Amino acid sequence: MKAKVYSLEGAASGSVELPSAFSEIVREEIIRRAVLSDESRLYQPKGNFPEAGFQTSAKYRGRKDDYGSLKNKGQARLPREVRPKGGHGKVRRIPSSVGGHRAHPPKPSKILVERMNKKEYRKALRSAIAATALPSFVKARGHKFSCELPLVFEDRLESLSRTKEVLAALGKVAGEDIVRAKESRKPRSGVRSRKAGTRKAKSILLVVGGGSVLRAARNLPGVNVVKAEDLKVKDLAPGTHAGRLTAYTQNALRKIGEVC
């Protein structure tokens, strides 16, 4: 299986043999599981303070023969603050009291990561890579492009150090998709927080072997750039939907062939 190699000027400058991963059968259910596994590793464990609500002198004194018992006193037999001379203070400790602990707080020991077998994850990665070469999957995600898939650039792309240079190179073959991502920016529905007030569509994913393009391309709207050895399924299938418009360099294809 071969693919055209595009130069920075947007013209086909040759062809390249694709790794065997591009011939994999697309398994959407495995891709979905792998993306959820990747995203679960980004969750941050959270939990309550172990002594929350219990840093008080309150204790339960409801038994009949206890000193200072509340039985037959016309008061609720709940944990109350200890006052001088056997007095009773406010109710504390229980969830329904002021300053009490939560009934069922989050536990930091909860297992958040959805683990996946290594062979199963590699198959999902190959499957997601294969989907980037199928126009039916890429068009289903709403991408706009005017080139043959998979999109492969010559290695000179990795040496670009200016954002406008990367935009000029990508604009020759998929400039419409970058414009689509830029115009898709809109406020997130519902209650907007400071860090997630807007949303925008995903555009091209650049898979490279390294170089200055890692910094030069990161500020383009909707564009992500990643090294071939750091490629994850969630990069190729955002939102568990396979078929993201992806551009590879020849160097990245060689590394994918070694890993996959």
C-alpha atoms as a PDB file:
ATOM      1  CA  MET A   1       0.000   0.000   0.000  1.00  0.00           C
ATOM      2  CA  LYS A   2       1.512   3.299  -1.163  1.00  0.00           C
ATOM      3  CA  ALA A   3       0.635   6.964  -0.687  1.00  0.00           C
ATOM      4  CA  LYS A   4       1.606  10.222  -2.350  1.00  0.00           C
ATOM      5  CA  VAL A   5       4.198  12.420  -0.667  1.00  0.00           C
ATOM      6  CA  TYR A   6       3.397  16.138  -0.753  1.00  0.00           C
ATOM      7  CA  SER A   7       6.008  18.856  -0.744  1.00  0.00           C
ATOM      8  CA  LEU A   8       5.703  22.095   1.226  1.00  0.00           C
ATOM      9  CA  GLU A   9       4.447  23.732  -1.985  1.00  0.00           C
ATOM     10  CA  GLY A  10       1.444  21.353  -2.116  1.00  0.00           C
ATOM     11  CA  ALA A  11       2.609  19.310  -5.118  1.00  0.00           C
ATOM     12  CA  ALA A  12       3.110  15.549  -5.186  1.00  0.00           C
ATOM     13  CA  SER A  13       6.831  14.857  -5.066  1.00  0.00           C
ATOM     14  CA  GLY A  14       6.831  11.064  -4.980  1.00  0.00           C
ATOM     15  CA  SER A  15       5.349   8.101  -3.153  1.00  0.00           C
ATOM     16  CA  VAL A  16       6.083   6.123  -0.015  1.00  0.00           C
ATOM     17  CA  GLU A  17       5.326   2.603   1.178  1.00  0.00           C
ATOM     18  CA  LEU A  18       2.903   2.695   4.114  1.00  0.00           C
ATOM     19  CA  PRO A  19       3.393   0.596   7.262  1.00  0.00           C
ATOM     20  CA  SER A  20       1.240  -2.477   7.776  1.00  0.00           C
ATOM     21  CA  ALA A  21      -0.864  -0.587  10.356  1.00  0.00           C
ATOM     22  CA  PHE A  22      -2.720   1.150   7.521  1.00  0.00           C
ATOM     23  CA  SER A  23      -4.040  -2.233   6.339  1.00  0.00           C
ATOM     24  CA  GLU A  24      -5.655  -3.033   9.700  1.00  0.00           C
ATOM     25  CA  ILE A  25      -9.422  -3.592   9.878  1.00  0.00           C
ATOM     26  CA  VAL A  26     -11.101  -0.648  11.621  1.00  0.00           C
ATOM     27  CA  ARG A  27     -12.654  -1.840  14.889  1.00  0.00           C
ATOM     28  CA  GLU A  28     -14.648   1.073  16.279  1.00  0.00           C
ATOM     29  CA  GLU A  29     -15.572  -0.681  19.528  1.00  0.00           C
ATOM     30  CA  ILE A  30     -11.897  -1.290  20.402  1.00  0.00           C
ATOM     31  CA  ILE A  31     -11.010   2.299  19.471  1.00  0.00           C
ATOM     32  CA  ARG A  32     -13.763   3.589  21.755  1.00  0.00           C
ATOM     33  CA  ARG A  33     -12.461   1.486  24.649  1.00  0.00           C
ATOM     34  CA  ALA A  34      -8.875   2.655  24.094  1.00  0.00           C
ATOM     35  CA  VAL A  35      -9.869   6.343  24.015  1.00  0.00           C
ATOM     36  CA  LEU A  36     -11.772   6.001  27.285  1.00  0.00           C
ATOM     37  CA  SER A  37      -8.723   4.270  28.767  1.00  0.00           C
ATOM     38  CA  ASP A  38      -6.468   7.151  27.645  1.00  0.00           C
ATOM     39  CA  GLU A  39      -8.822   9.778  29.033  1.00  0.00           C
ATOM     40  CA  SER A  40      -9.196   7.977  32.369  1.00  0.00           C
ATOM     41  CA  ARG A  41      -5.453   8.419  32.973  1.00  0.00           C
ATOM     42  CA  LEU A  42      -5.982  12.183  33.008  1.00  0.00           C
ATOM     43  CA  TYR A  43      -8.464  12.064  35.894  1.00  0.00           C
ATOM     44  CA  GLN A  44      -7.199  13.532  39.152  1.00  0.00           C
ATOM     45  CA  PRO A  45      -7.954  11.550  42.338  1.00  0.00           C
ATOM     46  CA  LYS A  46      -9.886  13.521  44.918  1.00  0.00           C
ATOM     47  CA  GLY A  47     -11.140  12.896  48.434  1.00  0.00           C
ATOM     48  CA  ASN A  48     -12.136  14.566  51.657  1.00  0.00           C
ATOM     49  CA  PHE A  49      -9.979  15.370  54.664  1.00  0.00           C
ATOM     50  CA  PRO A  50     -10.036  12.192  56.832  1.00  0.00           C
ATOM     51  CA  GLU A  51     -10.887  14.148  60.008  1.00  0.00           C
ATOM     52  CA  ALA A  52     -13.419  16.489  58.388  1.00  0.00           C
ATOM     53  CA  GLY A  53     -16.329  17.025  60.795  1.00  0.00           C
ATOM     54  CA  PHE A  54     -14.663  15.085  63.620  1.00  0.00           C
ATOM     55  CA  GLN A  55     -12.387  17.800  65.021  1.00  0.00           C
ATOM     56  CA  THR A  56     -14.820  18.580  67.811  1.00  0.00           C
ATOM     57  CA  SER A  57     -15.549  17.557  71.380  1.00  0.00           C
ATOM     58  CA  ALA A  58     -19.047  16.351  70.458  1.00  0.00           C
ATOM     59  CA  LYS A  59     -20.049  12.850  71.498  1.00  0.00           C
ATOM     60  CA  TYR A  60     -23.206  10.797  71.746  1.00  0.00           C
ATOM     61  CA  ARG A  61     -24.743  10.591  75.217  1.00  0.00           C
ATOM     62  CA  GLY A  62     -28.105   8.919  74.792  1.00  0.00           C
ATOM     63  CA  ARG A  63     -27.898   5.881  77.086  1.00  0.00           C
ATOM     64  CA  LYS A  64     -30.106   6.001  80.131  1.00  0.00           C
ATOM     65  CA  ASP A  65     -27.426   5.633  82.784  1.00  0.00           C
ATOM     66  CA  ASP A  66     -24.688   7.726  81.108  1.00  0.00           C
ATOM     67  CA  TYR A  67     -23.492  10.887  82.802  1.00  0.00           C
ATOM     68  CA  GLY A  68     -25.275  13.810  81.189  1.00  0.00           C
ATOM     69  CA  SER A  69     -27.634  11.545  79.257  1.00  0.00           C
ATOM     70  CA  LEU A  70     -30.148  13.292  76.984  1.00  0.00           C
ATOM     71  CA  LYS A  71     -32.812  10.642  77.465  1.00  0.00           C
ATOM     72  CA  ASN A  72     -36.151  12.015  78.651  1.00  0.00           C
ATOM     73  CA  LYS A  73     -34.826  15.598  78.335  1.00  0.00           C
ATOM     74  CA  GLY A  74     -36.933  16.616  75.357  1.00  0.00           C
ATOM     75  CA  GLN A  75     -33.852  16.912  73.126  1.00  0.00           C
ATOM     76  CA  ALA A  76     -32.747  14.899  70.145  1.00  0.00           C
ATOM     77  CA  ARG A  77     -30.208  12.264  71.189  1.00  0.00           C
ATOM     78  CA  LEU A  78     -27.472  13.300  68.779  1.00  0.00           C
ATOM     79  CA  PRO A  79     -23.743  13.984  69.217  1.00  0.00           C
ATOM     80  CA  ARG A  80     -23.435  17.341  70.958  1.00  0.00           C
ATOM     81  CA  GLU A  81     -20.535  19.522  72.019  1.00  0.00           C
ATOM     82  CA  VAL A  82     -19.285  18.977  75.567  1.00  0.00           C
ATOM     83  CA  ARG A  83     -19.781  22.091  77.688  1.00  0.00           C
ATOM     84  CA  PRO A  84     -18.519  22.890  81.213  1.00  0.00           C
ATOM     85  CA  LYS A  85     -20.454  21.465  84.158  1.00  0.00           C
ATOM     86  CA  GLY A  86     -22.154  18.818  82.019  1.00  0.00           C
ATOM     87  CA  GLY A  87     -23.841  21.222  79.636  1.00  0.00           C
ATOM     88  CA  HIS A  88     -24.837  20.330  76.096  1.00  0.00           C
ATOM     89  CA  GLY A  89     -23.691  22.320  73.063  1.00  0.00           C
ATOM     90  CA  LYS A  90     -24.672  22.275  69.420  1.00  0.00           C
ATOM     91  CA  VAL A  91     -25.081  19.127  67.362  1.00  0.00           C
ATOM     92  CA  ARG A  92     -21.875  18.222  65.510  1.00  0.00           C
ATOM     93  CA  ARG A  93     -20.254  15.356  63.532  1.00  0.00           C
ATOM     94  CA  ILE A  94     -23.329  13.981  61.756  1.00  0.00           C
ATOM     95  CA  PRO A  95     -23.945  14.944  58.068  1.00  0.00           C
ATOM     96  CA  SER A  96     -27.123  16.887  58.826  1.00  0.00           C
ATOM     97  CA  SER A  97     -25.412  19.181  61.365  1.00  0.00           C
ATOM     98  CA  VAL A  98     -23.567  22.431  60.806  1.00  0.00           C
ATOM     99  CA  GLY A  99     -19.892  21.639  60.176  1.00  0.00           C
ATOM    100  CA  GLY A 100     -20.556  17.909  60.046  1.00  0.00           C
ATOM    101  CA  HIS A 101     -18.831  15.469  57.696  1.00  0.00           C
ATOM    102  CA  ARG A 102     -20.286  14.566  54.300  1.00  0.00           C
ATOM    103  CA  ALA A 103     -22.445  11.465  54.135  1.00  0.00           C
ATOM    104  CA  HIS A 104     -20.651   9.772  51.244  1.00  0.00           C
ATOM    105  CA  PRO A 105     -17.568  11.831  50.314  1.00  0.00           C
ATOM    106  CA  PRO A 106     -15.362  10.945  47.308  1.00  0.00           C
ATOM    107  CA  LYS A 107     -12.667   8.426  48.140  1.00  0.00           C
ATOM    108  CA  PRO A 108      -9.068   8.962  46.937  1.00  0.00           C
ATOM    109  CA  SER A 109      -8.675   5.193  46.884  1.00  0.00           C
ATOM    110  CA  LYS A 110     -11.275   4.820  44.121  1.00  0.00           C
ATOM    111  CA  ILE A 111      -9.882   3.182  40.965  1.00  0.00           C
ATOM    112  CA  LEU A 112     -10.213   5.760  38.183  1.00  0.00           C
ATOM    113  CA  VAL A 113      -7.999   4.313  35.446  1.00  0.00           C
ATOM    114  CA  GLU A 114      -9.642   1.923  33.008  1.00  0.00           C
ATOM    115  CA  ARG A 115      -6.764  -0.367  32.176  1.00  0.00           C
ATOM    116  CA  MET A 116      -6.401  -2.150  28.850  1.00  0.00           C
ATOM    117  CA  ASN A 117      -4.320  -5.093  27.669  1.00  0.00           C
ATOM    118  CA  LYS A 118      -1.188  -4.067  25.744  1.00  0.00           C
ATOM    119  CA  LYS A 119      -1.980  -6.197  22.694  1.00  0.00           C
ATOM    120  CA  GLU A 120      -5.536  -4.909  22.649  1.00  0.00           C
ATOM    121  CA  TYR A 121      -4.328  -1.291  22.854  1.00  0.00           C
ATOM    122  CA  ARG A 122      -1.818  -1.813  20.021  1.00  0.00           C
ATOM    123  CA  LYS A 123      -4.615  -3.230  17.875  1.00  0.00           C
ATOM    124  CA  ALA A 124      -6.758  -0.183  18.688  1.00  0.00           C
ATOM    125  CA  LEU A 125      -3.854   2.098  17.733  1.00  0.00           C
ATOM    126  CA  ARG A 126      -3.374   0.313  14.400  1.00  0.00           C
ATOM    127  CA  SER A 127      -7.108   0.430  13.800  1.00  0.00           C
ATOM    128  CA  ALA A 128      -7.234   4.185  14.485  1.00  0.00           C
ATOM    129  CA  ILE A 129      -4.275   4.749  12.146  1.00  0.00           C
ATOM    130  CA  ALA A 130      -6.011   2.767   9.400  1.00  0.00           C
ATOM    131  CA  ALA A 131      -9.154   4.911   9.778  1.00  0.00           C
ATOM    132  CA  THR A 132      -7.161   8.037   8.912  1.00  0.00           C
ATOM    133  CA  ALA A 133      -6.612   6.616   5.414  1.00  0.00           C
ATOM    134  CA  LEU A 134     -10.317   6.006   4.722  1.00  0.00           C
ATOM    135  CA  PRO A 135     -12.188   9.048   3.309  1.00  0.00           C
ATOM    136  CA  SER A 136     -15.531   7.710   4.573  1.00  0.00           C
ATOM    137  CA  PHE A 137     -14.407   7.936   8.209  1.00  0.00           C
ATOM    138  CA  VAL A 138     -12.690  11.307   7.762  1.00  0.00           C
ATOM    139  CA  LYS A 139     -15.693  12.895   6.028  1.00  0.00           C
ATOM    140  CA  ALA A 140     -18.033  11.507   8.692  1.00  0.00           C
ATOM    141  CA  ARG A 141     -16.176  13.647  11.253  1.00  0.00           C
ATOM    142  CA  GLY A 142     -16.873  16.759   9.150  1.00  0.00           C
ATOM    143  CA  HIS A 143     -13.325  17.410   7.902  1.00  0.00           C
ATOM    144  CA  LYS A 144     -12.751  19.299   4.648  1.00  0.00           C
ATOM    145  CA  PHE A 145      -9.836  18.320   2.426  1.00  0.00           C
ATOM    146  CA  SER A 146      -8.853  18.191  -1.226  1.00  0.00           C
ATOM    147  CA  CYS A 147      -6.062  15.606  -1.188  1.00  0.00           C
ATOM    148  CA  GLU A 148      -5.670  11.858  -1.277  1.00  0.00           C
ATOM    149  CA  LEU A 149      -5.555  10.030   2.013  1.00  0.00           C
ATOM    150  CA  PRO A 150      -3.461   9.314   3.961  1.00  0.00           C
ATOM    151  CA  LEU A 151      -1.849  12.755   3.866  1.00  0.00           C
ATOM    152  CA  VAL A 152       1.960  12.406   3.863  1.00  0.00           C
ATOM    153  CA  PHE A 153       4.449  15.291   3.826  1.00  0.00           C
ATOM    154  CA  GLU A 154       8.156  15.254   3.142  1.00  0.00           C
ATOM    155  CA  ASP A 155      10.517  15.509   6.109  1.00  0.00           C
ATOM    156  CA  ARG A 156      11.185  19.193   5.446  1.00  0.00           C
ATOM    157  CA  LEU A 157       7.930  19.905   7.295  1.00  0.00           C
ATOM    158  CA  GLU A 158       9.631  18.988  10.586  1.00  0.00           C
ATOM    159  CA  SER A 159      12.222  21.769  10.201  1.00  0.00           C
ATOM    160  CA  LEU A 160       9.676  24.602   9.927  1.00  0.00           C
ATOM    161  CA  SER A 161      10.028  27.038  12.825  1.00  0.00           C
ATOM    162  CA  ARG A 162       7.389  29.676  12.024  1.00  0.00           C
ATOM    163  CA  THR A 163       3.652  29.243  12.471  1.00  0.00           C
ATOM    164  CA  LYS A 164       2.899  31.055   9.208  1.00  0.00           C
ATOM    165  CA  GLU A 165       5.182  28.619   7.360  1.00  0.00           C
ATOM    166  CA  VAL A 166       3.278  25.625   8.749  1.00  0.00           C
ATOM    167  CA  LEU A 167      -0.033  27.286   7.896  1.00  0.00           C
ATOM    168  CA  ALA A 168       1.131  27.916   4.335  1.00  0.00           C
ATOM    169  CA  ALA A 169       2.165  24.271   3.901  1.00  0.00           C
ATOM    170  CA  LEU A 170      -1.053  22.845   5.335  1.00  0.00           C
ATOM    171  CA  GLY A 171      -3.192  25.407   3.566  1.00  0.00           C
ATOM    172  CA  LYS A 172      -2.216  23.986   0.180  1.00  0.00           C
ATOM    173  CA  VAL A 173      -4.026  20.696   0.872  1.00  0.00           C
ATOM    174  CA  ALA A 174      -6.375  21.240   3.828  1.00  0.00           C
ATOM    175  CA  GLY A 175      -6.687  24.980   4.403  1.00  0.00           C
ATOM    176  CA  GLU A 176     -10.491  24.765   4.440  1.00  0.00           C
ATOM    177  CA  ASP A 177     -10.411  22.500   7.466  1.00  0.00           C
ATOM    178  CA  ILE A 178      -8.307  24.937   9.515  1.00  0.00           C
ATOM    179  CA  VAL A 179     -10.728  27.743   8.611  1.00  0.00           C
ATOM    180  CA  ARG A 180     -13.632  25.485   9.642  1.00  0.00           C
ATOM    181  CA  ALA A 181     -12.037  24.912  13.046  1.00  0.00           C
ATOM    182  CA  LYS A 182     -11.338  28.614  13.517  1.00  0.00           C
ATOM    183  CA  GLU A 183     -14.927  29.621  12.706  1.00  0.00           C
ATOM    184  CA  SER A 184     -16.388  26.888  14.932  1.00  0.00           C
ATOM    185  CA  ARG A 185     -15.280  28.606  18.147  1.00  0.00           C
ATOM    186  CA  LYS A 186     -18.343  29.347  20.277  1.00  0.00           C
ATOM    187  CA  PRO A 187     -19.330  29.589  23.966  1.00  0.00           C
ATOM    188  CA  ARG A 188     -19.878  26.302  25.725  1.00  0.00           C
ATOM    189  CA  SER A 189     -23.518  25.704  26.598  1.00  0.00           C
ATOM    190  CA  GLY A 190     -24.644  25.704  30.212  1.00  0.00           C
ATOM    191  CA  VAL A 191     -22.739  27.204  33.113  1.00  0.00           C
ATOM    192  CA  ARG A 192     -19.360  28.350  31.761  1.00  0.00           C
ATOM    193  CA  SER A 193     -16.262  28.143  33.926  1.00  0.00           C
ATOM    194  CA  ARG A 194     -13.077  30.135  33.529  1.00  0.00           C
ATOM    195  CA  LYS A 195     -11.067  27.326  32.019  1.00  0.00           C
ATOM    196  CA  ALA A 196     -13.731  25.844  29.719  1.00  0.00           C
ATOM    197  CA  GLY A 197     -15.798  28.761  28.516  1.00  0.00           C
ATOM    198  CA  THR A 198     -15.532  28.045  24.786  1.00  0.00           C
ATOM    199  CA  ARG A 199     -15.271  25.083  22.465  1.00  0.00           C
ATOM    200  CA  LYS A 200     -13.948  24.592  18.933  1.00  0.00           C
ATOM    201  CA  ALA A 201     -13.700  21.767  16.445  1.00  0.00           C
ATOM    202  CA  LYS A 202     -10.672  19.547  15.963  1.00  0.00           C
ATOM    203  CA  SER A 203      -8.700  20.055  12.766  1.00  0.00           C
ATOM    204  CA  ILE A 204      -5.526  18.413  11.427  1.00  0.00           C
ATOM    205  CA  LEU A 205      -3.311  16.195  13.569  1.00  0.00           C
ATOM    206  CA  LEU A 206       0.387  16.373  12.654  1.00  0.00           C
ATOM    207  CA  VAL A 207       2.356  13.216  13.416  1.00  0.00           C
ATOM    208  CA  VAL A 208       6.076  13.954  13.126  1.00  0.00           C
ATOM    209  CA  GLY A 209       9.383  12.450  14.148  1.00  0.00           C
ATOM    210  CA  GLY A 210      10.543  15.607  15.935  1.00  0.00           C
ATOM    211  CA  GLY A 211      11.903  19.018  15.024  1.00  0.00           C
ATOM    212  CA  SER A 212      10.896  22.633  15.531  1.00  0.00           C
ATOM    213  CA  VAL A 213       7.435  22.091  14.018  1.00  0.00           C
ATOM    214  CA  LEU A 214       6.339  20.786  17.435  1.00  0.00           C
ATOM    215  CA  ARG A 215       6.347  24.397  18.648  1.00  0.00           C
ATOM    216  CA  ALA A 216       5.504  26.128  15.388  1.00  0.00           C
ATOM    217  CA  ALA A 217       2.211  24.278  14.779  1.00  0.00           C
ATOM    218  CA  ARG A 218       0.759  24.234  18.265  1.00  0.00           C
ATOM    219  CA  ASN A 219      -0.929  27.659  17.991  1.00  0.00           C
ATOM    220  CA  LEU A 220      -3.008  26.933  14.885  1.00  0.00           C
ATOM    221  CA  PRO A 221      -6.760  26.638  15.610  1.00  0.00           C
ATOM    222  CA  GLY A 222      -7.806  23.023  16.057  1.00  0.00           C
ATOM    223  CA  VAL A 223      -4.364  21.687  15.048  1.00  0.00           C
ATOM    224  CA  ASN A 224      -2.420  19.301  17.280  1.00  0.00           C
ATOM    225  CA  VAL A 225       1.108  18.019  16.760  1.00  0.00           C
ATOM    226  CA  VAL A 226       2.572  14.902  18.360  1.00  0.00           C
ATOM    227  CA  LYS A 227       5.669  12.759  18.047  1.00  0.00           C
ATOM    228  CA  ALA A 228       5.187   9.343  16.462  1.00  0.00           C
ATOM    229  CA  GLU A 229       6.471   7.524  19.560  1.00  0.00           C
ATOM    230  CA  ASP A 230       4.014   9.463  21.763  1.00  0.00           C
ATOM    231  CA  LEU A 231       0.982   8.850  19.526  1.00  0.00           C
ATOM    232  CA  LYS A 232      -2.158   7.849  21.455  1.00  0.00           C
ATOM    233  CA  VAL A 233      -5.515   6.557  20.276  1.00  0.00           C
ATOM    234  CA  LYS A 234      -7.233   9.599  21.775  1.00  0.00           C
ATOM    235  CA  ASP A 235      -5.186  11.809  19.420  1.00  0.00           C
ATOM    236  CA  LEU A 236      -6.418   9.924  16.355  1.00  0.00           C
ATOM    237  CA  ALA A 237     -10.019   9.530  17.520  1.00  0.00           C
ATOM    238  CA  PRO A 238     -11.146  12.526  19.634  1.00  0.00           C
ATOM    239  CA  GLY A 239     -14.408  11.845  21.420  1.00  0.00           C
ATOM    240  CA  THR A 240     -14.053   8.107  20.557  1.00  0.00           C
ATOM    241  CA  HIS A 241     -14.865   8.852  16.879  1.00  0.00           C
ATOM    242  CA  ALA A 242     -12.218   7.478  14.505  1.00  0.00           C
ATOM    243  CA  GLY A 243     -11.131   9.178  11.298  1.00  0.00           C
ATOM    244  CA  ARG A 244      -9.420  12.420  12.283  1.00  0.00           C
ATOM    245  CA  LEU A 245      -7.718  14.219   9.405  1.00  0.00           C
ATOM    246  CA  THR A 246      -4.072  13.345   9.998  1.00  0.00           C
ATOM    247  CA  ALA A 247      -0.845  14.390   8.258  1.00  0.00           C
ATOM    248  CA  TYR A 248       2.258  12.228   8.610  1.00  0.00           C
ATOM    249  CA  THR A 249       5.858  12.916   7.720  1.00  0.00           C
ATOM    250  CA  GLN A 250       8.012  10.237   6.114  1.00  0.00           C
ATOM    251  CA  ASN A 251      10.117  10.072   9.264  1.00  0.00           C
ATOM    252  CA  ALA A 252       6.988   9.508  11.368  1.00  0.00           C
ATOM    253  CA  LEU A 253       5.856   6.657   9.088  1.00  0.00           C
ATOM    254  CA  ARG A 254       9.184   4.893   9.596  1.00  0.00           C
ATOM    255  CA  LYS A 255       8.815   5.130  13.374  1.00  0.00           C
ATOM    256  CA  ILE A 256       5.189   3.944  13.227  1.00  0.00           C
ATOM    257  CA  GLY A 257       6.368   0.918  11.238  1.00  0.00           C
ATOM    258  CA  GLU A 258       8.848   0.090  13.997  1.00  0.00           C
ATOM    259  CA  VAL A 259       6.346   0.493  16.857  1.00  0.00           C
ATOM    260  CA  CYS A 260       3.189  -0.945  15.305  1.00  0.00           C
END
